[in-house]
Protein backbone atom coordinates (compact mmCIF):
# COMPACT_ATOMS: atom_id res chain seq x y z
CA MET A 1 -9.54 4.09 -7.63
CA GLU A 2 -9.50 2.80 -11.19
CA GLN A 3 -7.91 -0.61 -11.40
CA PRO A 4 -5.39 -1.55 -14.08
CA SER A 5 -7.17 -3.02 -17.07
CA ALA A 6 -6.23 -4.93 -20.15
CA ALA A 7 -4.90 -2.99 -23.10
CA SER A 8 -7.68 -1.30 -25.05
CA THR A 9 -5.54 -0.88 -28.17
CA ASP A 10 -4.39 -3.38 -30.75
CA PRO A 11 -1.22 -5.11 -29.43
CA GLU A 12 0.65 -4.53 -32.70
CA ALA A 13 -0.21 -0.83 -32.62
CA ALA A 14 0.91 -0.55 -29.00
CA ALA A 15 4.19 -2.29 -29.85
CA SER A 16 4.70 0.09 -32.75
CA GLU A 17 4.20 3.09 -30.44
CA GLN A 18 6.80 1.78 -28.03
CA ALA A 19 9.24 1.05 -30.85
CA THR A 20 9.20 4.71 -31.89
CA SER A 21 10.33 5.69 -28.39
CA PRO A 22 13.10 3.26 -27.36
CA HIS A 23 14.16 3.36 -23.73
CA PRO A 24 17.82 4.12 -22.86
CA GLU A 25 19.63 0.81 -23.30
CA GLU A 26 21.44 0.86 -19.95
CA LEU A 27 18.26 1.57 -17.99
CA ALA A 28 16.37 -1.13 -19.89
CA SER A 29 19.15 -3.54 -18.96
CA PHE A 30 19.02 -2.50 -15.29
CA ASP A 31 15.28 -3.23 -15.28
CA GLN A 32 15.95 -6.91 -15.96
CA ALA A 33 17.46 -7.39 -12.50
CA TYR A 34 15.48 -7.86 -9.28
CA PHE A 35 17.70 -5.41 -7.38
CA ALA A 36 18.27 -1.85 -8.56
CA PRO A 37 21.96 -1.38 -9.43
CA TRP A 38 22.12 1.84 -7.41
CA GLY A 39 21.85 -0.18 -4.20
CA LYS A 40 24.84 -2.49 -4.71
CA ARG A 41 27.08 -0.62 -2.28
CA GLU A 42 24.42 -0.48 0.43
CA ILE A 43 23.49 -4.14 -0.05
CA LEU A 44 27.11 -5.25 0.26
CA THR A 45 27.83 -2.94 3.20
CA TRP A 46 24.79 -3.94 5.23
CA SER A 47 25.21 -7.62 4.38
CA LEU A 48 28.77 -7.49 5.73
CA ARG A 49 27.75 -5.63 8.89
CA CYS A 50 24.66 -7.71 9.61
CA GLY A 51 26.34 -10.99 8.69
CA THR A 52 29.18 -10.22 11.10
CA ALA A 53 26.75 -9.21 13.86
CA LEU A 54 24.67 -12.35 13.31
CA ALA A 55 27.71 -14.62 13.46
CA ALA A 56 28.90 -12.87 16.63
CA SER A 57 25.53 -13.20 18.36
CA LEU A 58 25.30 -16.90 17.53
CA LEU A 59 28.83 -17.59 18.73
CA LEU A 60 28.30 -15.67 21.95
CA GLY A 61 25.03 -17.51 22.44
CA TRP A 62 26.74 -20.85 21.97
CA PHE A 63 29.61 -20.17 24.37
CA TYR A 64 28.03 -17.86 26.96
CA SER A 65 24.29 -17.27 27.06
CA SER A 66 21.27 -17.89 24.83
CA TRP A 67 20.36 -14.23 25.36
CA PHE A 68 23.10 -13.29 22.90
CA ALA A 69 21.60 -15.61 20.28
CA ALA A 70 18.24 -13.91 20.77
CA GLY A 71 19.78 -10.85 19.15
CA SER A 72 19.56 -12.63 15.81
CA ALA A 73 15.79 -12.13 15.97
CA LEU A 74 16.45 -8.41 15.50
CA ILE A 75 19.41 -8.63 13.14
CA VAL A 76 17.77 -10.83 10.49
CA PRO A 77 14.65 -8.63 9.89
CA PHE A 78 16.80 -5.49 9.78
CA TRP A 79 19.18 -7.15 7.32
CA ALA A 80 16.28 -8.21 5.11
CA PHE A 81 14.83 -4.68 5.17
CA MET A 82 18.11 -3.02 4.17
CA VAL A 83 18.53 -5.42 1.24
CA LEU A 84 14.92 -5.53 0.05
CA PHE A 85 14.64 -1.75 0.06
CA PHE A 86 16.48 -1.84 -3.28
CA ARG A 87 14.17 -4.43 -4.84
CA ASN A 88 12.91 -3.86 -8.36
CA PRO A 89 10.09 -6.39 -8.89
CA SER A 90 9.06 -7.20 -12.44
CA ARG A 91 6.01 -5.24 -13.62
CA THR A 92 3.56 -5.81 -16.45
CA ILE A 93 3.18 -2.26 -17.75
CA THR A 94 -0.38 -1.08 -18.40
CA ALA A 95 -0.90 -0.57 -22.14
CA ASP A 96 -4.23 1.31 -22.26
CA ALA A 97 -4.31 4.17 -24.76
CA GLY A 98 -4.42 7.81 -23.62
CA VAL A 99 -3.41 7.27 -20.00
CA LEU A 100 -0.60 8.08 -17.58
CA VAL A 101 0.62 5.36 -15.22
CA ALA A 102 1.98 5.87 -11.72
CA PRO A 103 5.70 6.81 -11.74
CA ALA A 104 6.21 5.15 -8.35
CA ASP A 105 4.72 2.85 -5.74
CA GLY A 106 3.15 4.57 -2.76
CA THR A 107 0.11 6.52 -1.61
CA VAL A 108 -1.56 9.39 -3.47
CA TRP A 109 -1.04 12.19 -0.96
CA ASP A 110 -2.49 15.22 -2.73
CA ILE A 111 -4.15 16.22 -6.01
CA GLY A 112 -4.48 19.89 -6.90
CA GLU A 113 -3.60 22.82 -9.13
CA VAL A 114 -0.21 24.54 -9.06
CA ASP A 115 1.82 26.94 -11.19
CA GLU A 116 4.82 25.41 -12.97
CA ASP A 117 7.01 28.25 -14.23
CA GLU A 118 10.19 26.56 -15.43
CA TYR A 119 9.20 24.06 -18.12
CA ILE A 120 5.43 23.99 -18.70
CA GLU A 121 5.11 27.67 -17.79
CA GLY A 122 1.48 27.61 -16.79
CA ARG A 123 -1.22 26.27 -14.53
CA CYS A 124 -0.99 22.51 -13.97
CA LEU A 125 -2.69 19.61 -12.28
CA ARG A 126 -0.31 18.01 -9.79
CA ILE A 127 -0.58 14.50 -8.36
CA GLY A 128 1.78 13.84 -5.44
CA ILE A 129 2.71 10.30 -4.37
CA PHE A 130 4.30 9.64 -0.97
CA LEU A 131 6.72 6.71 -0.72
CA SER A 132 7.27 5.28 2.75
CA VAL A 133 10.44 3.37 3.59
CA PHE A 134 8.51 0.15 2.95
CA ASN A 135 7.57 0.94 -0.66
CA VAL A 136 9.52 0.00 -3.78
CA HIS A 137 11.60 3.12 -4.48
CA VAL A 138 12.50 2.91 -8.17
CA ASN A 139 10.82 5.48 -10.42
CA ARG A 140 9.22 4.73 -13.79
CA ALA A 141 8.19 6.89 -16.76
CA PRO A 142 4.44 7.64 -16.70
CA CYS A 143 4.30 7.56 -20.51
CA ALA A 144 6.46 7.41 -23.63
CA GLY A 145 8.20 10.66 -24.48
CA GLU A 146 11.38 12.64 -25.04
CA ILE A 147 13.36 14.30 -22.25
CA GLU A 148 13.68 18.03 -22.94
CA TRP A 149 14.62 19.56 -19.59
CA LEU A 150 16.32 18.49 -16.35
CA SER A 151 16.79 20.52 -13.18
CA HIS A 152 18.35 19.41 -9.88
CA LYS A 153 18.02 21.65 -6.83
CA GLU A 154 19.65 21.36 -3.44
CA GLY A 155 17.47 21.69 -0.37
CA GLY A 156 16.47 20.29 3.00
CA PHE A 157 15.07 16.93 4.07
CA SER A 158 11.71 17.66 5.67
CA ASP A 159 8.70 15.33 5.70
CA ALA A 160 7.92 14.40 2.07
CA ARG A 161 4.19 14.19 2.84
CA SER A 162 4.00 17.98 2.90
CA GLU A 163 2.84 19.70 -0.31
CA THR A 164 5.61 22.28 0.21
CA ALA A 165 8.33 19.60 0.31
CA ALA A 166 8.77 19.91 -3.46
CA LEU A 167 9.81 23.54 -2.96
CA SER A 168 12.02 23.28 0.12
CA ASN A 169 13.54 19.79 -0.16
CA GLU A 170 16.25 18.58 -2.48
CA ASN A 171 14.53 17.64 -5.73
CA ASN A 172 15.07 16.66 -9.33
CA SER A 173 12.66 17.70 -12.10
CA ILE A 174 12.31 15.93 -15.43
CA GLY A 175 10.54 17.78 -18.25
CA MET A 176 9.36 15.56 -21.09
CA ARG A 177 7.23 15.84 -24.22
CA ILE A 178 4.66 13.03 -24.51
CA SER A 179 4.96 10.99 -27.69
CA GLU A 180 2.16 8.45 -27.40
CA GLY A 181 -1.60 8.04 -27.56
CA GLU A 182 -4.00 10.96 -27.27
CA ALA A 183 -1.49 13.39 -25.79
CA VAL A 184 1.31 13.59 -28.37
CA GLY A 185 3.18 16.88 -27.88
CA VAL A 186 1.83 17.59 -24.38
CA PRO A 187 4.55 18.64 -21.89
CA LEU A 188 4.80 16.87 -18.53
CA VAL A 189 6.98 17.32 -15.46
CA LEU A 190 7.96 14.43 -13.22
CA LYS A 191 9.60 15.48 -9.97
CA GLN A 192 11.63 13.35 -7.55
CA VAL A 193 11.63 14.86 -4.06
CA SER A 194 13.75 13.82 -1.08
CA GLY A 195 12.15 13.21 2.31
CA ALA A 196 13.10 13.21 5.97
CA VAL A 197 15.08 9.99 5.55
CA ALA A 198 16.03 10.19 1.86
CA ARG A 199 19.55 11.37 1.17
CA ARG A 200 20.09 10.67 -2.50
CA ILE A 201 18.08 11.18 -5.68
CA ILE A 202 19.18 9.17 -8.71
CA CYS A 203 18.28 10.07 -12.29
CA PRO A 204 20.65 8.94 -15.10
CA LEU A 205 18.50 10.51 -17.85
CA LYS A 206 19.92 13.07 -20.25
CA LYS A 207 18.32 15.60 -22.59
CA LYS A 208 17.01 14.05 -25.82
CA ASP A 209 16.72 10.60 -24.23
CA ARG A 210 13.53 8.85 -25.25
CA VAL A 211 11.68 6.77 -22.68
CA THR A 212 8.92 4.19 -22.88
CA ARG A 213 5.89 4.01 -20.62
CA GLY A 214 6.81 2.24 -17.39
CA GLY A 215 10.53 2.23 -18.18
CA LEU A 216 12.98 2.54 -15.29
CA ILE A 217 14.24 6.13 -14.90
CA GLY A 218 15.89 6.22 -11.45
CA MET A 219 15.14 5.97 -7.75
CA ILE A 220 15.13 7.87 -4.46
CA LYS A 221 16.89 6.23 -1.54
CA TYR A 222 14.57 5.88 1.48
CA GLY A 223 11.39 7.87 2.32
CA SER A 224 10.46 10.31 -0.44
CA ARG A 225 7.87 11.82 -2.77
CA THR A 226 7.28 11.61 -6.54
CA GLU A 227 4.87 13.87 -8.39
CA ILE A 228 3.72 14.63 -11.90
CA MET A 229 2.40 17.90 -13.32
CA ILE A 230 0.27 18.16 -16.48
CA PRO A 231 -1.07 21.37 -18.12
CA LEU A 232 -4.71 21.98 -17.24
CA GLU A 233 -5.57 22.56 -20.90
CA ALA A 234 -4.36 19.05 -21.80
CA GLY A 235 -7.71 17.64 -20.64
CA PHE A 236 -6.21 15.13 -18.19
CA GLN A 237 -8.80 13.58 -15.84
CA PRO A 238 -7.51 11.83 -12.68
CA ALA A 239 -8.64 8.26 -12.09
CA VAL A 240 -7.22 8.11 -8.54
CA ALA A 241 -8.11 9.84 -5.30
CA VAL A 242 -6.16 10.98 -2.25
CA LYS A 243 -5.10 8.01 -0.03
CA ASP A 244 -5.27 5.53 -2.93
CA LYS A 245 -2.39 3.05 -3.11
CA VAL A 246 -0.63 3.00 -6.47
CA CYS A 247 1.80 0.65 -8.19
CA GLY A 248 4.52 2.08 -10.43
CA GLY A 249 4.00 1.35 -14.12
CA VAL A 250 0.71 -0.43 -13.45
CA THR A 251 -1.85 1.84 -11.80
CA ILE A 252 -3.59 4.26 -14.16
CA LEU A 253 -3.37 7.78 -12.70
CA GLY A 254 -5.82 9.22 -15.22
CA ARG A 255 -6.83 9.69 -18.85
CA PHE A 256 -6.61 12.40 -21.47
CA GLU A 257 -10.19 13.20 -22.51
CA ARG A 258 -10.94 13.68 -26.21
CA THR A 259 -13.05 16.39 -27.77
CA ASP A 260 -15.67 15.71 -30.43
CA GLU A 261 -12.98 16.29 -33.06
CA GLY A 262 -11.00 13.40 -31.65
CA LYS A 263 -8.22 15.47 -30.13
CA THR A 264 -7.28 16.14 -26.57
CA GLU A 265 -8.80 19.23 -25.04
CA GLY A 266 -6.77 22.42 -25.09
């Protein structure tokens, strides 16, 4: 797997690219906090439940038996898990030119060709990333671009590791036009897919929103799958392999190869 590297472009040029594609203000603000705002209700609910259970176990242990107090050894880790699931750790976004970065933390589960008939309307390369319940679950934009198409579909909640999960499970597709580097004008689909445990997909984006590479774009609550699809003719070459671990906004998924004329293939 290719490791994140230092920016290969001039910092001023990279900053200029980002300035032409400002991220939605509210999402940029959310990204300043360690906890994703979409988890406030769950954090408060589980803190109340677990705090009450912990206090009860300690009191019962004090007045009756130490076996009650031993229950705190189970309550505290569970409490920590339910709160930290909604963490949004700060990321230094990879600034290399002509690349796509991972839209989520997790494991590359499959890489292959598929037909995308709704937005790209053609043969695509798909990279699927599986997020376990222990991964960070916020999603990030793989590149700078403009949102042109959104589609949410109801469905089931089968194992997100399956390649067919994107078809049968509840999912949300984001169609965007790349506006940076070597792939300006190339269409891309980012899909959020629910899993066996996931029960809610969050995507506050709207059509005509412009996003920056690595910018916060939503999350999927609990186990899930995130995938990207790029037209085959765009000349995108993966830099990751199946079973690689990836870090959202940091890991380079691949590069757009240039032709002798200095343009992307296609």
